[in-house]
Amino acid sequence: MLTPNQYYIMVEQGTEPPYKNAYFDLHEKGVFVSAATGDVLFTSEDKYDSGTGWPSFVKPVNPNMIEIRKDADGERDEVIERSTGLHLGHVFDDGPANRGGKRYCMNSGALKFVKK
């Protein structure tokens, strides 16, 4: 069952405030799983400080676990969990060039961190 914050983010496609979320400055080793399913989506090895105030990753663990589609505003590329259709965040083309150029900007509330 989702918390009210998780529901707001994942079902209502909300966005949590920058710098006021659980994982933007987390630097421990581990994996980030879906708050809804527990499926592994991202690793700490692919996380970096994008300076945006949200947890950012250069790539998902398995691209088949997510789907990219245009957001309701038609301007941004939304990242959803493929198995559920739930909102996770957005992807942008301003990530580190030497690591693929993508910035997967996720909402902490859509994720749970599992320490390794």
Protein backbone atom coordinates (compact mmCIF):
# COMPACT_ATOMS: atom_id res chain seq x y z
CA MET A 1 0.00 0.00 0.00
CA LEU A 2 1.32 3.42 -0.93
CA THR A 3 1.70 6.26 1.56
CA PRO A 4 -0.14 9.51 0.77
CA ASN A 5 3.13 11.01 -0.56
CA GLN A 6 3.85 7.96 -2.71
CA TYR A 7 0.29 8.07 -4.06
CA TYR A 8 0.66 11.77 -4.90
CA ILE A 9 3.89 11.13 -6.80
CA MET A 10 3.24 7.78 -8.43
CA VAL A 11 -0.50 7.88 -9.18
CA GLU A 12 -1.23 11.61 -9.42
CA GLN A 13 2.12 12.21 -11.19
CA GLY A 14 3.20 14.78 -8.62
CA THR A 15 6.69 16.13 -8.05
CA GLU A 16 8.26 16.51 -4.63
CA PRO A 17 10.14 19.70 -3.74
CA PRO A 18 13.84 19.89 -4.65
CA TYR A 19 16.29 19.48 -1.78
CA LYS A 20 13.42 18.40 0.52
CA ASN A 21 13.34 14.71 -0.25
CA ALA A 22 14.98 11.60 1.16
CA TYR A 23 17.55 10.64 -1.44
CA PHE A 24 18.91 13.68 -3.30
CA ASP A 25 22.03 13.76 -1.11
CA LEU A 26 22.26 10.07 -0.17
CA HIS A 27 25.74 8.69 -0.92
CA GLU A 28 25.55 5.18 0.55
CA LYS A 29 26.06 2.05 -1.54
CA GLY A 30 22.95 0.13 -2.47
CA VAL A 31 20.03 -0.09 -4.84
CA PHE A 32 16.89 1.95 -5.36
CA VAL A 33 13.73 -0.09 -5.75
CA SER A 34 10.21 0.87 -6.75
CA ALA A 35 8.15 1.98 -3.76
CA ALA A 36 5.21 0.12 -5.30
CA THR A 37 6.70 -3.20 -6.42
CA GLY A 38 10.13 -3.53 -4.82
CA ASP A 39 11.71 -4.11 -8.23
CA VAL A 40 15.29 -2.84 -8.53
CA LEU A 41 15.36 0.23 -10.78
CA PHE A 42 18.62 2.10 -10.10
CA THR A 43 21.94 1.62 -8.29
CA SER A 44 24.05 3.98 -6.23
CA GLU A 45 26.88 3.41 -8.73
CA ASP A 46 24.81 5.20 -11.38
CA LYS A 47 23.66 8.02 -9.06
CA TYR A 48 25.30 11.42 -9.28
CA ASP A 49 24.84 14.95 -7.95
CA SER A 50 23.07 16.83 -10.72
CA GLY A 51 22.68 19.98 -8.63
CA THR A 52 18.90 19.88 -9.12
CA GLY A 53 17.84 18.70 -5.65
CA TRP A 54 16.43 15.37 -6.83
CA PRO A 55 18.13 11.97 -6.96
CA SER A 56 19.62 11.66 -10.44
CA PHE A 57 20.96 8.62 -12.24
CA VAL A 58 22.77 8.11 -15.55
CA LYS A 59 20.79 4.96 -16.38
CA PRO A 60 18.36 2.40 -15.01
CA VAL A 61 19.56 -1.05 -14.00
CA ASN A 62 17.41 -2.60 -16.72
CA PRO A 63 15.87 -0.34 -19.39
CA ASN A 64 13.06 -2.89 -19.83
CA MET A 65 11.80 -2.11 -16.31
CA ILE A 66 10.84 1.45 -17.28
CA GLU A 67 9.03 3.18 -20.10
CA ILE A 68 9.57 6.70 -21.41
CA ARG A 69 6.61 8.70 -22.69
CA LYS A 70 5.70 12.34 -23.16
CA ASP A 71 4.38 13.98 -20.01
CA ALA A 72 0.88 15.50 -19.95
CA ASP A 73 2.40 18.90 -20.77
CA GLY A 74 3.94 17.39 -23.92
CA GLU A 75 7.31 18.96 -23.14
CA ARG A 76 9.05 16.53 -20.81
CA ASP A 77 9.83 12.84 -21.07
CA GLU A 78 8.18 11.01 -18.18
CA VAL A 79 9.71 7.86 -16.67
CA ILE A 80 7.15 5.27 -15.63
CA GLU A 81 7.49 1.82 -14.15
CA ARG A 82 6.61 -0.51 -17.02
CA SER A 83 4.88 -3.19 -14.91
CA THR A 84 2.52 -0.77 -13.17
CA GLY A 85 2.35 2.38 -15.30
CA LEU A 86 3.19 4.43 -12.20
CA HIS A 87 5.09 7.72 -12.40
CA LEU A 88 8.72 7.74 -11.20
CA GLY A 89 10.13 11.02 -12.53
CA HIS A 90 11.54 12.43 -15.78
CA VAL A 91 14.54 11.93 -18.04
CA PHE A 92 16.54 14.75 -19.59
CA ASP A 93 19.40 14.95 -22.09
CA ASP A 94 21.65 17.06 -19.84
CA GLY A 95 23.41 14.29 -17.91
CA PRO A 96 27.17 13.63 -17.88
CA ALA A 97 28.33 13.31 -21.50
CA ASN A 98 30.97 10.75 -20.58
CA ARG A 99 28.28 8.50 -19.02
CA GLY A 100 25.67 8.53 -21.78
CA GLY A 101 24.29 12.07 -21.51
CA LYS A 102 21.05 11.18 -19.72
CA ARG A 103 19.74 12.45 -16.38
CA TYR A 104 17.08 10.24 -14.88
CA CYS A 105 15.60 12.69 -12.37
CA MET A 106 13.55 10.62 -9.94
CA ASN A 107 11.23 11.44 -7.07
CA SER A 108 12.53 9.98 -3.80
CA GLY A 109 8.95 9.13 -2.85
CA ALA A 110 8.70 6.74 -5.81
CA LEU A 111 11.76 4.84 -4.59
CA LYS A 112 13.01 2.95 -1.56
CA PHE A 113 16.71 2.60 -0.83
CA VAL A 114 18.14 -0.80 0.06
CA LYS A 115 21.61 -0.54 1.57
CA LYS A 116 24.26 -3.02 0.42
